[in-house]
Each structure stands twice: as C-alpha cells, then as structure tokens.
Amino acid sequence: MRENHQYKDFQATRLYCNNCGSSMPVKERLLLILPDGYLYEYICTGCGKAVGDKRVSLSREDKILF
C-alpha cells in the first residue's frame, strides 16, 4: 500500500529562546549523521545558543550509502 504524504519535512524558522526571552529566528545546523537518520540543531541567530533539535529518518537512497 502506498502512503500519501502531504509534507516531506518541517523546518523551523522561529523558536522561543530562553536567553533572549522571545521568539527568535533560528538557523538549522547538521549536528550528527546517525545510522538511522540525521540529527539537526536549531541555533538562535540573536545569541547563538541551541534552542532545539530534530531528527530526520534516512531516506531509502541514503540507506544504500550506509
């Protein structure tokens, strides 16, 4: 059975930063490549602190490389 996906991946543009005290623009940075996926970290553009992360599963094409 084929799954119908409405989206492929979300990417945050703003997250709340405790250090700045408000919602701030963020940059996404690849932190680790794991055997089962990628781990990204979100960095506040105002102060440079990490404010979140996300894990993305490997695609079928990426699994062939490992």
C-alpha atoms as a PDB file:
ATOM      1  CA  MET A   1       0.000   0.000   0.000  1.00  0.00           C
ATOM      2  CA  ARG A   2       1.367   3.383  -0.986  1.00  0.00           C
ATOM      3  CA  GLU A   3       1.280   6.132   1.644  1.00  0.00           C
ATOM      4  CA  ASN A   4       0.121   9.600   0.691  1.00  0.00           C
ATOM      5  CA  HIS A   5       2.408  12.196   2.334  1.00  0.00           C
ATOM      6  CA  GLN A   6       1.241  15.789   2.429  1.00  0.00           C
ATOM      7  CA  TYR A   7       4.630  17.068   3.502  1.00  0.00           C
ATOM      8  CA  LYS A   8       8.174  15.789   3.406  1.00  0.00           C
ATOM      9  CA  ASP A   9       9.856  17.645   6.259  1.00  0.00           C
ATOM     10  CA  PHE A  10       9.266  20.639   8.513  1.00  0.00           C
ATOM     11  CA  GLN A  11      11.918  23.279   9.053  1.00  0.00           C
ATOM     12  CA  ALA A  12      11.510  25.784  11.890  1.00  0.00           C
ATOM     13  CA  THR A  13      12.186  29.437  11.093  1.00  0.00           C
ATOM     14  CA  ARG A  14      11.498  30.879  14.575  1.00  0.00           C
ATOM     15  CA  LEU A  15      11.665  29.293  18.037  1.00  0.00           C
ATOM     16  CA  TYR A  16      11.413  30.648  21.571  1.00  0.00           C
ATOM     17  CA  CYS A  17      14.844  31.416  23.082  1.00  0.00           C
ATOM     18  CA  ASN A  18      15.065  31.449  26.901  1.00  0.00           C
ATOM     19  CA  ASN A  19      18.232  33.536  26.754  1.00  0.00           C
ATOM     20  CA  CYS A  20      16.696  36.280  24.567  1.00  0.00           C
ATOM     21  CA  GLY A  21      13.242  35.986  26.151  1.00  0.00           C
ATOM     22  CA  SER A  22      11.261  35.922  22.908  1.00  0.00           C
ATOM     23  CA  SER A  23      10.641  34.117  19.645  1.00  0.00           C
ATOM     24  CA  MET A  24      13.797  34.451  17.565  1.00  0.00           C
ATOM     25  CA  PRO A  25      14.865  33.476  14.037  1.00  0.00           C
ATOM     26  CA  VAL A  26      16.898  30.266  14.023  1.00  0.00           C
ATOM     27  CA  LYS A  27      19.441  28.546  11.791  1.00  0.00           C
ATOM     28  CA  GLU A  28      19.366  24.804  11.235  1.00  0.00           C
ATOM     29  CA  ARG A  29      22.713  23.035  11.607  1.00  0.00           C
ATOM     30  CA  LEU A  30      23.508  19.378  10.935  1.00  0.00           C
ATOM     31  CA  LEU A  31      24.824  18.021  14.218  1.00  0.00           C
ATOM     32  CA  LEU A  32      25.250  14.262  13.650  1.00  0.00           C
ATOM     33  CA  ILE A  33      24.761  11.622  10.997  1.00  0.00           C
ATOM     34  CA  LEU A  34      23.435   8.557  12.805  1.00  0.00           C
ATOM     35  CA  PRO A  35      22.910   5.023  11.437  1.00  0.00           C
ATOM     36  CA  ASP A  36      19.135   5.600  11.406  1.00  0.00           C
ATOM     37  CA  GLY A  37      18.977   9.286  10.442  1.00  0.00           C
ATOM     38  CA  TYR A  38      20.225  12.830  10.775  1.00  0.00           C
ATOM     39  CA  LEU A  39      20.231  14.960  13.925  1.00  0.00           C
ATOM     40  CA  TYR A  40      19.832  18.711  13.379  1.00  0.00           C
ATOM     41  CA  GLU A  41      20.225  21.503  15.917  1.00  0.00           C
ATOM     42  CA  TYR A  42      18.460  24.877  15.836  1.00  0.00           C
ATOM     43  CA  ILE A  43      20.648  27.864  16.781  1.00  0.00           C
ATOM     44  CA  CYS A  44      19.240  31.259  17.848  1.00  0.00           C
ATOM     45  CA  THR A  45      20.525  33.961  15.496  1.00  0.00           C
ATOM     46  CA  GLY A  46      20.371  36.541  18.292  1.00  0.00           C
ATOM     47  CA  CYS A  47      22.609  34.942  20.926  1.00  0.00           C
ATOM     48  CA  GLY A  48      23.986  31.780  19.289  1.00  0.00           C
ATOM     49  CA  LYS A  49      22.540  29.329  21.845  1.00  0.00           C
ATOM     50  CA  ALA A  50      20.970  25.995  20.871  1.00  0.00           C
ATOM     51  CA  VAL A  51      17.179  26.248  21.254  1.00  0.00           C
ATOM     52  CA  GLY A  52      16.013  22.922  19.823  1.00  0.00           C
ATOM     53  CA  ASP A  53      16.750  19.914  17.672  1.00  0.00           C
ATOM     54  CA  LYS A  54      15.088  17.493  15.269  1.00  0.00           C
ATOM     55  CA  ARG A  55      15.778  14.010  13.963  1.00  0.00           C
ATOM     56  CA  VAL A  56      15.110  13.064  10.348  1.00  0.00           C
ATOM     57  CA  SER A  57      14.980   9.413   9.285  1.00  0.00           C
ATOM     58  CA  LEU A  58      17.188   8.260   6.440  1.00  0.00           C
ATOM     59  CA  SER A  59      15.605   8.058   3.028  1.00  0.00           C
ATOM     60  CA  ARG A  60      15.773   4.835   1.074  1.00  0.00           C
ATOM     61  CA  GLU A  61      18.517   6.272  -1.160  1.00  0.00           C
ATOM     62  CA  ASP A  62      20.598   7.322   1.874  1.00  0.00           C
ATOM     63  CA  LYS A  63      20.355   3.844   3.409  1.00  0.00           C
ATOM     64  CA  ILE A  64      22.097   2.401   0.340  1.00  0.00           C
ATOM     65  CA  LEU A  65      25.146   4.567   1.107  1.00  0.00           C
ATOM     66  CA  PHE A  66      25.486   3.075   4.583  1.00  0.00           C
END
